[in-house]
Amino acid sequence: MTDITIYSSNYCPFCIRAKQLLDSKGVSYNEIRVDGKPAVRAEMARLAGRTSVPQIWINDAHVGGCDELVALERSGKLDTMLAG
């Protein structure tokens, strides 16, 4: 089974779009909200090397944010990654 983690914020349009794309693929993911949680956001930034949300991992691969996820979809590589 594919392990997907997405760090997100409640009102972030890029987070919403990334989750919609993952939902359309019928995959489940672990969503970690960073709103009002500076320690969680700091951990995300340490892991990702970025402070913006969303930050997405598929298995152990850091995908990046929404733009990178959409680029994987457009290139046809997202389904392969989701297949494990």
C-alpha atoms as a PDB file:
ATOM      1  CA  MET A   1       0.000   0.000   0.000  1.00  0.00           C
ATOM      2  CA  THR A   2       1.217   3.476  -0.849  1.00  0.00           C
ATOM      3  CA  ASP A   3       1.970   5.747   2.101  1.00  0.00           C
ATOM      4  CA  ILE A   4       1.012   9.370   1.380  1.00  0.00           C
ATOM      5  CA  THR A   5       1.504  12.247   3.794  1.00  0.00           C
ATOM      6  CA  ILE A   6       0.409  15.812   3.158  1.00  0.00           C
ATOM      7  CA  TYR A   7       1.140  18.715   5.465  1.00  0.00           C
ATOM      8  CA  SER A   8      -1.612  21.266   4.936  1.00  0.00           C
ATOM      9  CA  SER A   9      -3.459  24.311   6.195  1.00  0.00           C
ATOM     10  CA  ASN A  10      -7.225  24.738   6.465  1.00  0.00           C
ATOM     11  CA  TYR A  11      -7.656  27.657   4.086  1.00  0.00           C
ATOM     12  CA  CYS A  12      -4.815  27.099   1.636  1.00  0.00           C
ATOM     13  CA  PRO A  13      -6.175  26.841  -1.939  1.00  0.00           C
ATOM     14  CA  PHE A  14      -3.108  24.863  -3.018  1.00  0.00           C
ATOM     15  CA  CYS A  15      -3.708  22.360  -0.211  1.00  0.00           C
ATOM     16  CA  ILE A  16      -7.329  22.006  -1.261  1.00  0.00           C
ATOM     17  CA  ARG A  17      -6.323  21.432  -4.897  1.00  0.00           C
ATOM     18  CA  ALA A  18      -3.678  18.838  -3.977  1.00  0.00           C
ATOM     19  CA  LYS A  19      -6.156  16.943  -1.792  1.00  0.00           C
ATOM     20  CA  GLN A  20      -8.780  17.078  -4.557  1.00  0.00           C
ATOM     21  CA  LEU A  21      -6.306  15.524  -6.969  1.00  0.00           C
ATOM     22  CA  LEU A  22      -5.417  12.773  -4.510  1.00  0.00           C
ATOM     23  CA  ASP A  23      -9.118  12.214  -3.753  1.00  0.00           C
ATOM     24  CA  SER A  24      -9.836  11.889  -7.479  1.00  0.00           C
ATOM     25  CA  LYS A  25      -7.270   9.079  -7.566  1.00  0.00           C
ATOM     26  CA  GLY A  26      -9.137   7.256  -4.805  1.00  0.00           C
ATOM     27  CA  VAL A  27      -6.109   7.070  -2.542  1.00  0.00           C
ATOM     28  CA  SER A  28      -6.033   7.656   1.175  1.00  0.00           C
ATOM     29  CA  TYR A  29      -3.498   9.936   2.766  1.00  0.00           C
ATOM     30  CA  ASN A  30      -2.364  11.079   6.166  1.00  0.00           C
ATOM     31  CA  GLU A  31      -3.116  14.776   6.492  1.00  0.00           C
ATOM     32  CA  ILE A  32      -1.136  16.748   9.050  1.00  0.00           C
ATOM     33  CA  ARG A  33      -2.509  20.235   9.675  1.00  0.00           C
ATOM     34  CA  VAL A  34      -0.011  22.919  10.589  1.00  0.00           C
ATOM     35  CA  ASP A  35      -2.516  25.637  11.544  1.00  0.00           C
ATOM     36  CA  GLY A  36      -1.633  27.068  14.943  1.00  0.00           C
ATOM     37  CA  LYS A  37       1.040  24.422  15.456  1.00  0.00           C
ATOM     38  CA  PRO A  38       4.446  26.064  15.094  1.00  0.00           C
ATOM     39  CA  ALA A  39       6.287  22.912  16.182  1.00  0.00           C
ATOM     40  CA  VAL A  40       4.532  20.842  13.504  1.00  0.00           C
ATOM     41  CA  ARG A  41       5.247  23.479  10.848  1.00  0.00           C
ATOM     42  CA  ALA A  42       8.897  23.581  11.962  1.00  0.00           C
ATOM     43  CA  GLU A  43       9.125  19.793  11.658  1.00  0.00           C
ATOM     44  CA  MET A  44       7.613  19.981   8.157  1.00  0.00           C
ATOM     45  CA  ALA A  45      10.100  22.682   7.186  1.00  0.00           C
ATOM     46  CA  ARG A  46      12.976  20.609   8.526  1.00  0.00           C
ATOM     47  CA  LEU A  47      11.846  17.540   6.566  1.00  0.00           C
ATOM     48  CA  ALA A  48      10.924  19.366   3.347  1.00  0.00           C
ATOM     49  CA  GLY A  49      13.408  22.213   3.352  1.00  0.00           C
ATOM     50  CA  ARG A  50      10.417  24.481   2.631  1.00  0.00           C
ATOM     51  CA  THR A  51       8.016  26.429   4.782  1.00  0.00           C
ATOM     52  CA  SER A  52       5.037  26.595   2.408  1.00  0.00           C
ATOM     53  CA  VAL A  53       2.105  24.214   2.369  1.00  0.00           C
ATOM     54  CA  PRO A  54       1.210  21.781   1.095  1.00  0.00           C
ATOM     55  CA  GLN A  55       4.223  19.536   1.369  1.00  0.00           C
ATOM     56  CA  ILE A  56       3.599  16.047   0.067  1.00  0.00           C
ATOM     57  CA  TRP A  57       5.399  12.737   0.412  1.00  0.00           C
ATOM     58  CA  ILE A  58       4.565   9.567  -1.477  1.00  0.00           C
ATOM     59  CA  ASN A  59       6.210   6.664   0.283  1.00  0.00           C
ATOM     60  CA  ASP A  60       9.636   8.046   1.186  1.00  0.00           C
ATOM     61  CA  ALA A  61       9.844  10.455  -1.768  1.00  0.00           C
ATOM     62  CA  HIS A  62       9.274  14.140  -1.099  1.00  0.00           C
ATOM     63  CA  VAL A  63       7.122  15.273  -4.024  1.00  0.00           C
ATOM     64  CA  GLY A  64       6.994  18.942  -3.052  1.00  0.00           C
ATOM     65  CA  GLY A  65       3.886  21.080  -3.226  1.00  0.00           C
ATOM     66  CA  CYS A  66       0.737  21.275  -5.300  1.00  0.00           C
ATOM     67  CA  ASP A  67       2.499  22.438  -8.470  1.00  0.00           C
ATOM     68  CA  GLU A  68       4.850  19.467  -8.369  1.00  0.00           C
ATOM     69  CA  LEU A  69       1.980  17.056  -7.715  1.00  0.00           C
ATOM     70  CA  VAL A  70       0.038  18.442 -10.687  1.00  0.00           C
ATOM     71  CA  ALA A  71       3.177  18.230 -12.857  1.00  0.00           C
ATOM     72  CA  LEU A  72       3.522  14.547 -11.948  1.00  0.00           C
ATOM     73  CA  GLU A  73      -0.107  14.017 -12.951  1.00  0.00           C
ATOM     74  CA  ARG A  74       0.334  15.818 -16.278  1.00  0.00           C
ATOM     75  CA  SER A  75       3.472  13.842 -17.089  1.00  0.00           C
ATOM     76  CA  GLY A  76       1.723  10.544 -16.325  1.00  0.00           C
ATOM     77  CA  LYS A  77       4.126   9.722 -13.473  1.00  0.00           C
ATOM     78  CA  LEU A  78       1.721  10.184 -10.558  1.00  0.00           C
ATOM     79  CA  ASP A  79      -0.198   6.950 -11.170  1.00  0.00           C
ATOM     80  CA  THR A  80       3.069   5.006 -11.201  1.00  0.00           C
ATOM     81  CA  MET A  81       4.112   6.548  -7.899  1.00  0.00           C
ATOM     82  CA  LEU A  82       0.713   5.850  -6.368  1.00  0.00           C
ATOM     83  CA  ALA A  83       0.860   2.234  -7.510  1.00  0.00           C
ATOM     84  CA  GLY A  84       3.877   1.782  -5.250  1.00  0.00           C
END
